[in-house]
């Protein structure tokens, strides 16, 4: 039974080996000429103007989490659309219930002001 997992183990070993080999090769043959400009902190083309350890506003995290939630939920629409002809009307109404829950959640977040950026 364990022989069924040998190809997976070989794949993992080869993947790790290739990754480490390329990393080692790159660090061995790359030029190493650090200067002040290359070692300076960099923020979107400008010099850093504040400490990097300042906390972000919690609204940033809220908007990011909401984006991930709604973005990932819409990813469920693609497989549903592919198999819609097989699952029939039951699958259609289940997806409509799912989308209505998403819409209710979106309206709730909108009314609470979570999508406003001041």
N, C-alpha and C. Protein backbone atom coordinates (compact mmCIF):
# COMPACT_ATOMS: atom_id res chain seq x y z
N UNK A 1 0.82 -1.19 0.00
CA UNK A 1 0.00 0.00 0.00
C UNK A 1 0.87 1.26 0.00
N UNK A 2 1.98 1.23 0.70
CA UNK A 2 2.83 2.41 0.73
C UNK A 2 3.51 2.67 -0.60
N UNK A 3 3.59 1.67 -1.47
CA UNK A 3 4.20 1.90 -2.79
C UNK A 3 3.37 2.85 -3.64
N UNK A 4 2.10 3.02 -3.32
CA UNK A 4 1.27 3.98 -4.05
C UNK A 4 1.70 5.41 -3.79
N UNK A 5 2.35 5.66 -2.67
CA UNK A 5 2.76 7.01 -2.29
C UNK A 5 4.19 7.33 -2.71
N UNK A 6 4.92 6.38 -3.27
CA UNK A 6 6.30 6.62 -3.68
C UNK A 6 6.38 7.72 -4.75
N UNK A 7 5.52 7.74 -5.78
CA UNK A 7 5.61 8.84 -6.76
C UNK A 7 5.39 10.22 -6.12
N UNK A 8 4.52 10.29 -5.15
CA UNK A 8 4.29 11.57 -4.47
C UNK A 8 5.54 11.99 -3.70
N UNK A 9 6.16 11.05 -3.01
CA UNK A 9 7.39 11.33 -2.27
C UNK A 9 8.50 11.76 -3.21
N UNK A 10 8.64 11.07 -4.35
CA UNK A 10 9.66 11.44 -5.34
C UNK A 10 9.37 12.84 -5.87
N UNK A 11 8.11 13.16 -6.14
CA UNK A 11 7.75 14.49 -6.63
C UNK A 11 8.11 15.57 -5.61
N UNK A 12 7.83 15.32 -4.34
CA UNK A 12 8.16 16.29 -3.29
C UNK A 12 9.66 16.48 -3.19
N UNK A 13 10.41 15.38 -3.21
CA UNK A 13 11.87 15.46 -3.11
C UNK A 13 12.46 16.20 -4.30
N UNK A 14 11.99 15.89 -5.51
CA UNK A 14 12.49 16.57 -6.70
C UNK A 14 12.14 18.06 -6.64
N UNK A 15 10.92 18.40 -6.21
CA UNK A 15 10.53 19.81 -6.10
C UNK A 15 11.38 20.58 -5.12
N UNK A 16 11.61 20.00 -3.95
CA UNK A 16 12.47 20.66 -2.97
C UNK A 16 13.89 20.76 -3.48
N UNK A 17 14.37 19.70 -4.14
CA UNK A 17 15.73 19.71 -4.69
C UNK A 17 15.92 20.77 -5.76
N UNK A 18 14.96 20.88 -6.67
CA UNK A 18 15.05 21.90 -7.71
C UNK A 18 15.00 23.30 -7.10
N UNK A 19 14.10 23.51 -6.15
CA UNK A 19 14.01 24.82 -5.50
C UNK A 19 15.30 25.21 -4.78
N UNK A 20 15.82 24.29 -3.98
CA UNK A 20 17.07 24.58 -3.26
C UNK A 20 18.25 24.72 -4.22
N UNK A 21 18.27 23.88 -5.27
CA UNK A 21 19.36 23.97 -6.24
C UNK A 21 19.38 25.30 -6.97
N UNK A 22 18.23 25.76 -7.42
CA UNK A 22 18.17 27.05 -8.11
C UNK A 22 18.48 28.21 -7.17
N UNK A 23 18.02 28.11 -5.92
CA UNK A 23 18.34 29.16 -4.95
C UNK A 23 19.84 29.21 -4.69
N UNK A 24 20.46 28.05 -4.52
CA UNK A 24 21.91 28.00 -4.29
C UNK A 24 22.67 28.49 -5.51
N UNK A 25 22.27 28.06 -6.69
CA UNK A 25 22.94 28.50 -7.92
C UNK A 25 22.83 30.01 -8.08
N UNK A 26 21.65 30.56 -7.82
CA UNK A 26 21.49 32.01 -7.93
C UNK A 26 22.33 32.78 -6.94
N UNK A 27 22.43 32.26 -5.71
CA UNK A 27 23.25 32.98 -4.72
C UNK A 27 24.74 32.82 -5.00
N UNK A 28 25.15 31.76 -5.67
CA UNK A 28 26.57 31.56 -5.97
C UNK A 28 27.02 32.39 -7.16
N UNK A 29 26.22 32.50 -8.20
CA UNK A 29 26.69 33.17 -9.41
C UNK A 29 26.21 34.62 -9.55
N UNK A 30 25.36 35.09 -8.65
CA UNK A 30 24.88 36.47 -8.76
C UNK A 30 25.96 37.45 -8.30
N UNK A 31 26.00 38.63 -8.93
CA UNK A 31 26.98 39.64 -8.48
C UNK A 31 26.58 40.20 -7.12
N UNK A 32 27.58 40.42 -6.32
CA UNK A 32 27.34 40.96 -4.97
C UNK A 32 28.07 42.29 -4.84
N UNK A 33 27.38 43.35 -5.22
CA UNK A 33 27.95 44.70 -5.15
C UNK A 33 26.98 45.62 -4.42
N UNK A 34 26.81 45.44 -3.11
CA UNK A 34 25.87 46.31 -2.40
C UNK A 34 26.41 47.73 -2.27
N UNK A 35 25.54 48.70 -2.40
CA UNK A 35 25.88 50.09 -2.13
C UNK A 35 24.74 50.72 -1.35
N UNK A 36 24.88 51.96 -1.01
CA UNK A 36 23.90 52.62 -0.14
C UNK A 36 22.51 52.69 -0.80
N UNK A 37 22.46 52.90 -2.12
CA UNK A 37 21.18 53.01 -2.80
C UNK A 37 20.44 51.68 -2.83
N UNK A 38 21.19 50.57 -3.00
CA UNK A 38 20.54 49.27 -3.05
C UNK A 38 20.07 48.79 -1.68
N UNK A 39 20.73 49.23 -0.63
CA UNK A 39 20.40 48.79 0.71
C UNK A 39 19.41 49.71 1.42
N UNK A 40 19.03 50.82 0.78
CA UNK A 40 18.12 51.78 1.40
C UNK A 40 16.70 51.23 1.41
N UNK A 41 15.91 51.58 2.44
CA UNK A 41 14.50 51.18 2.44
C UNK A 41 13.77 51.85 1.28
N UNK A 42 12.78 51.18 0.76
CA UNK A 42 12.13 51.63 -0.45
C UNK A 42 10.62 51.46 -0.30
N UNK A 43 9.88 52.53 -0.59
CA UNK A 43 8.42 52.49 -0.52
C UNK A 43 7.84 53.14 -1.77
N UNK A 44 7.43 52.35 -2.70
CA UNK A 44 6.73 52.84 -3.89
C UNK A 44 7.49 53.95 -4.61
N UNK A 45 8.77 53.87 -4.68
CA UNK A 45 9.56 54.86 -5.38
C UNK A 45 9.98 56.05 -4.54
N UNK A 46 9.54 56.11 -3.29
CA UNK A 46 9.89 57.21 -2.42
C UNK A 46 10.68 56.69 -1.23
N UNK A 47 11.46 57.56 -0.63
CA UNK A 47 12.14 57.18 0.61
C UNK A 47 11.09 56.99 1.70
N UNK A 48 11.38 56.06 2.60
CA UNK A 48 10.44 55.82 3.70
C UNK A 48 10.35 57.07 4.56
N UNK A 49 9.13 57.48 4.87
CA UNK A 49 8.96 58.71 5.64
C UNK A 49 8.44 58.45 7.04
N UNK A 50 8.16 57.18 7.39
CA UNK A 50 7.74 56.84 8.75
C UNK A 50 8.36 55.51 9.13
N UNK A 51 8.20 55.17 10.39
CA UNK A 51 8.68 53.89 10.87
C UNK A 51 7.84 52.76 10.28
N UNK A 52 8.48 51.68 9.91
CA UNK A 52 7.78 50.55 9.30
C UNK A 52 6.93 49.78 10.30
N UNK A 53 7.09 50.04 11.57
CA UNK A 53 6.38 49.27 12.60
C UNK A 53 5.12 49.95 13.10
N UNK A 54 4.67 51.02 12.44
CA UNK A 54 3.44 51.67 12.89
C UNK A 54 2.25 50.77 12.55
N UNK A 55 1.24 50.73 13.40
CA UNK A 55 0.09 49.86 13.12
C UNK A 55 -0.78 50.45 12.01
N UNK A 56 -1.34 49.58 11.20
CA UNK A 56 -2.28 50.00 10.17
C UNK A 56 -3.63 50.27 10.81
N UNK A 57 -4.40 51.09 10.15
CA UNK A 57 -5.77 51.34 10.59
C UNK A 57 -6.57 50.06 10.42
N UNK A 58 -7.44 49.78 11.36
CA UNK A 58 -8.22 48.54 11.32
C UNK A 58 -9.15 48.51 10.11
N UNK A 59 -9.52 49.65 9.57
CA UNK A 59 -10.37 49.69 8.39
C UNK A 59 -9.68 49.07 7.18
N UNK A 60 -8.36 49.20 7.13
CA UNK A 60 -7.62 48.57 6.04
C UNK A 60 -7.82 47.06 6.06
N UNK A 61 -7.71 46.46 7.24
CA UNK A 61 -7.89 45.02 7.36
C UNK A 61 -9.33 44.62 7.08
N UNK A 62 -10.28 45.43 7.50
CA UNK A 62 -11.69 45.13 7.27
C UNK A 62 -12.01 45.10 5.79
N UNK A 63 -11.54 46.10 5.05
CA UNK A 63 -11.78 46.15 3.62
C UNK A 63 -11.08 44.98 2.93
N UNK A 64 -9.87 44.65 3.37
CA UNK A 64 -9.15 43.53 2.77
C UNK A 64 -9.87 42.21 3.01
N UNK A 65 -10.36 42.00 4.22
CA UNK A 65 -11.08 40.76 4.53
C UNK A 65 -12.38 40.69 3.74
N UNK A 66 -13.09 41.80 3.64
CA UNK A 66 -14.33 41.81 2.87
C UNK A 66 -14.07 41.52 1.40
N UNK A 67 -12.99 42.07 0.87
CA UNK A 67 -12.66 41.78 -0.52
C UNK A 67 -12.37 40.30 -0.72
N UNK A 68 -11.61 39.72 0.17
CA UNK A 68 -11.28 38.30 0.05
C UNK A 68 -12.54 37.45 0.16
N UNK A 69 -13.41 37.79 1.10
CA UNK A 69 -14.64 37.01 1.27
C UNK A 69 -15.48 37.05 -0.01
N UNK A 70 -15.76 38.23 -0.52
CA UNK A 70 -16.63 38.33 -1.69
C UNK A 70 -15.93 37.83 -2.95
N UNK A 71 -14.62 37.97 -3.04
CA UNK A 71 -13.89 37.47 -4.18
C UNK A 71 -13.89 35.95 -4.20
N UNK A 72 -13.65 35.33 -3.06
CA UNK A 72 -13.64 33.87 -3.01
C UNK A 72 -15.03 33.28 -3.20
N UNK A 73 -16.04 33.97 -2.71
CA UNK A 73 -17.39 33.45 -2.89
C UNK A 73 -17.81 33.48 -4.35
N UNK A 74 -17.38 34.48 -5.09
CA UNK A 74 -17.73 34.50 -6.51
C UNK A 74 -16.98 33.41 -7.29
N UNK A 75 -15.90 32.88 -6.74
CA UNK A 75 -15.21 31.77 -7.39
C UNK A 75 -16.08 30.53 -7.43
N UNK A 76 -17.08 30.42 -6.56
CA UNK A 76 -17.99 29.29 -6.59
C UNK A 76 -18.95 29.35 -7.78
N UNK A 77 -19.05 30.50 -8.42
CA UNK A 77 -19.96 30.62 -9.56
C UNK A 77 -19.46 29.86 -10.79
N UNK A 78 -18.16 29.75 -10.96
CA UNK A 78 -17.62 29.10 -12.16
C UNK A 78 -17.91 27.60 -12.20
N UNK A 79 -17.59 26.84 -11.14
CA UNK A 79 -17.95 25.42 -11.23
C UNK A 79 -19.46 25.20 -11.26
N UNK A 80 -20.20 26.08 -10.62
CA UNK A 80 -21.67 25.96 -10.66
C UNK A 80 -22.17 26.14 -12.08
N UNK A 81 -21.61 27.11 -12.80
CA UNK A 81 -22.05 27.36 -14.17
C UNK A 81 -21.70 26.20 -15.08
N UNK A 82 -20.60 25.53 -14.81
CA UNK A 82 -20.19 24.40 -15.65
C UNK A 82 -21.13 23.22 -15.48
N UNK A 83 -21.59 22.95 -14.26
CA UNK A 83 -22.41 21.76 -14.01
C UNK A 83 -23.90 22.10 -13.85
N UNK A 84 -24.29 23.29 -14.23
CA UNK A 84 -25.69 23.68 -14.04
C UNK A 84 -26.65 22.77 -14.79
N UNK A 85 -26.28 22.34 -15.98
CA UNK A 85 -27.18 21.47 -16.74
C UNK A 85 -27.33 20.09 -16.09
N UNK A 86 -26.37 19.68 -15.28
CA UNK A 86 -26.47 18.38 -14.59
C UNK A 86 -27.26 18.48 -13.28
N UNK A 87 -27.12 19.58 -12.57
CA UNK A 87 -27.76 19.67 -11.26
C UNK A 87 -29.19 20.18 -11.35
N UNK A 88 -29.55 20.78 -12.47
CA UNK A 88 -30.95 21.16 -12.71
C UNK A 88 -31.44 22.32 -11.86
N UNK A 89 -32.76 22.35 -11.68
CA UNK A 89 -33.41 23.46 -10.98
C UNK A 89 -33.04 23.50 -9.51
N UNK A 90 -32.81 22.35 -8.89
CA UNK A 90 -32.42 22.35 -7.48
C UNK A 90 -31.11 23.11 -7.29
N UNK A 91 -30.13 22.84 -8.14
CA UNK A 91 -28.85 23.55 -8.06
C UNK A 91 -29.00 25.03 -8.34
N UNK A 92 -29.91 25.36 -9.25
CA UNK A 92 -30.16 26.77 -9.56
C UNK A 92 -30.70 27.51 -8.34
N UNK A 93 -31.70 26.91 -7.68
CA UNK A 93 -32.31 27.59 -6.53
C UNK A 93 -31.38 27.62 -5.32
N UNK A 94 -30.56 26.61 -5.18
CA UNK A 94 -29.56 26.63 -4.09
C UNK A 94 -28.56 27.75 -4.32
N UNK A 95 -28.13 27.93 -5.56
CA UNK A 95 -27.19 29.02 -5.85
C UNK A 95 -27.85 30.38 -5.69
N UNK A 96 -29.12 30.49 -6.02
CA UNK A 96 -29.82 31.75 -5.81
C UNK A 96 -29.92 32.07 -4.32
N UNK A 97 -30.14 31.05 -3.50
CA UNK A 97 -30.15 31.27 -2.04
C UNK A 97 -28.77 31.70 -1.56
N UNK A 98 -27.73 31.08 -2.09
CA UNK A 98 -26.35 31.45 -1.74
C UNK A 98 -26.07 32.90 -2.14
N UNK A 99 -26.44 33.27 -3.35
CA UNK A 99 -26.20 34.64 -3.81
C UNK A 99 -27.04 35.65 -3.03
N UNK A 100 -28.25 35.26 -2.63
CA UNK A 100 -29.05 36.19 -1.83
C UNK A 100 -28.41 36.40 -0.45
N UNK A 101 -27.82 35.37 0.12
CA UNK A 101 -27.09 35.56 1.39
C UNK A 101 -25.90 36.49 1.20
N UNK A 102 -25.20 36.36 0.08
CA UNK A 102 -24.09 37.27 -0.21
C UNK A 102 -24.58 38.71 -0.36
N UNK A 103 -25.70 38.87 -1.03
CA UNK A 103 -26.24 40.22 -1.23
C UNK A 103 -26.67 40.82 0.11
N UNK A 104 -27.31 40.02 0.95
CA UNK A 104 -27.71 40.52 2.28
C UNK A 104 -26.47 40.92 3.08
N UNK A 105 -25.42 40.11 3.03
CA UNK A 105 -24.18 40.45 3.73
C UNK A 105 -23.55 41.70 3.18
N UNK A 106 -23.57 41.86 1.86
CA UNK A 106 -23.01 43.06 1.24
C UNK A 106 -23.80 44.30 1.64
N UNK A 107 -25.11 44.22 1.63
CA UNK A 107 -25.95 45.36 2.02
C UNK A 107 -25.71 45.70 3.49
N UNK A 108 -25.58 44.68 4.33
CA UNK A 108 -25.31 44.92 5.75
C UNK A 108 -23.99 45.67 5.94
N UNK A 109 -22.96 45.21 5.26
CA UNK A 109 -21.66 45.89 5.38
C UNK A 109 -21.73 47.30 4.82
N UNK A 110 -22.47 47.50 3.76
CA UNK A 110 -22.62 48.81 3.17
C UNK A 110 -23.34 49.75 4.14
N UNK A 111 -24.43 49.28 4.76
CA UNK A 111 -25.19 50.11 5.70
C UNK A 111 -24.38 50.42 6.96
N UNK A 112 -23.54 49.48 7.39
CA UNK A 112 -22.70 49.71 8.58
C UNK A 112 -21.55 50.67 8.30
N UNK A 113 -21.28 50.95 7.02
CA UNK A 113 -20.21 51.87 6.66
C UNK A 113 -18.85 51.21 6.58
N UNK A 114 -18.82 49.89 6.49
CA UNK A 114 -17.54 49.19 6.44
C UNK A 114 -16.81 49.42 5.12
N UNK A 115 -17.53 49.82 4.09
CA UNK A 115 -16.90 50.05 2.79
C UNK A 115 -16.49 51.49 2.58
N UNK A 116 -16.75 52.34 3.55
CA UNK A 116 -16.36 53.76 3.45
C UNK A 116 -14.92 53.94 3.87
N UNK A 117 -14.20 54.71 3.11
CA UNK A 117 -12.82 55.01 3.47
C UNK A 117 -12.70 56.51 3.63
N UNK A 118 -12.34 56.95 4.81
CA UNK A 118 -12.29 58.39 5.10
C UNK A 118 -10.93 58.96 4.85
